[in-house]
Amino acid sequence: MPRMRLVKDAFEQLKKDDPDTDVTLYALRTIVKSGLVPTVRLGRKVLINYDSLLEYFRFGDKKQTATDAIRQINR
């Protein structure tokens, strides 16, 4: 079962796991708003998958951007 946390709680857990982290609550909210990690909205609350957050920090952004995609050349 995924560990779903409120953004604030995910930040507190991250600080507990790594007290010397430079990640701020603002940075975490920015990551969430940009859609880099999976979230679920429950009314006004946003739950973040904490394991996916750790994976994001471990491996970075795996999303394919427009510059990474192969596009067809129109002649």
Protein backbone atom coordinates (compact mmCIF):
# COMPACT_ATOMS: atom_id res chain seq x y z
CA MET A 1 0.00 0.00 0.00
CA PRO A 2 1.43 3.40 -0.95
CA ARG A 3 2.32 5.83 1.80
CA MET A 4 0.09 8.79 1.01
CA ARG A 5 0.84 12.00 2.91
CA LEU A 6 -0.30 15.58 2.92
CA VAL A 7 2.38 17.79 1.42
CA LYS A 8 3.23 19.25 4.82
CA ASP A 9 3.41 15.77 6.38
CA ALA A 10 5.58 14.50 3.53
CA PHE A 11 7.94 17.41 4.16
CA GLU A 12 8.07 16.63 7.88
CA GLN A 13 8.76 12.95 7.13
CA LEU A 14 11.51 13.94 4.71
CA LYS A 15 13.11 16.15 7.38
CA LYS A 16 12.81 13.28 9.88
CA ASP A 17 14.46 10.83 7.45
CA ASP A 18 17.17 13.33 6.48
CA PRO A 19 17.57 16.21 8.95
CA ASP A 20 20.26 17.84 6.77
CA THR A 21 18.15 18.01 3.61
CA ASP A 22 18.08 21.29 1.72
CA VAL A 23 14.58 20.64 0.34
CA THR A 24 12.14 23.28 1.57
CA LEU A 25 8.38 23.09 1.94
CA TYR A 26 8.09 25.64 -0.87
CA ALA A 27 10.26 23.49 -3.16
CA LEU A 28 8.15 20.44 -2.35
CA ARG A 29 4.94 22.34 -3.14
CA THR A 30 6.48 23.45 -6.45
CA ILE A 31 7.31 19.83 -7.33
CA VAL A 32 3.74 18.81 -6.53
CA LYS A 33 2.16 21.66 -8.52
CA SER A 34 4.31 20.89 -11.55
CA GLY A 35 3.05 17.29 -11.56
CA LEU A 36 6.45 15.64 -11.16
CA VAL A 37 5.16 13.20 -8.54
CA PRO A 38 1.75 11.49 -8.38
CA THR A 39 -0.87 13.17 -6.21
CA VAL A 40 -4.49 12.60 -5.28
CA ARG A 41 -6.90 15.42 -4.47
CA LEU A 42 -9.42 14.82 -1.70
CA GLY A 43 -11.53 17.94 -1.55
CA ARG A 44 -9.13 20.75 -0.76
CA LYS A 45 -6.37 18.40 0.40
CA VAL A 46 -3.60 17.09 -1.82
CA LEU A 47 -2.07 13.73 -0.93
CA ILE A 48 1.36 12.86 -2.25
CA ASN A 49 2.75 9.37 -2.72
CA TYR A 50 5.76 9.55 -0.39
CA ASP A 51 7.54 6.59 -2.02
CA SER A 52 7.22 8.24 -5.44
CA LEU A 53 8.63 11.44 -3.97
CA LEU A 54 11.69 9.57 -2.72
CA GLU A 55 12.03 7.90 -6.12
CA TYR A 56 11.88 11.32 -7.78
CA PHE A 57 14.71 12.57 -5.58
CA ARG A 58 16.68 9.38 -6.19
CA PHE A 59 16.35 9.22 -9.99
CA GLY A 60 15.17 12.67 -11.07
CA ASP A 61 12.47 13.57 -13.55
CA LYS A 62 11.73 10.72 -15.96
CA LYS A 63 9.07 12.60 -17.92
CA GLN A 64 9.78 12.97 -21.59
CA THR A 65 9.96 16.56 -22.69
CA ALA A 66 9.22 17.90 -26.17
CA THR A 67 12.94 18.25 -26.91
CA ASP A 68 13.55 14.57 -26.02
CA ALA A 69 10.89 13.22 -28.37
CA ILE A 70 11.59 12.16 -31.93
CA ARG A 71 9.43 14.18 -34.24
CA GLN A 72 8.52 13.73 -37.87
CA ILE A 73 10.15 16.05 -40.35
CA ASN A 74 7.64 17.66 -42.73
CA ARG A 75 8.94 18.30 -46.25
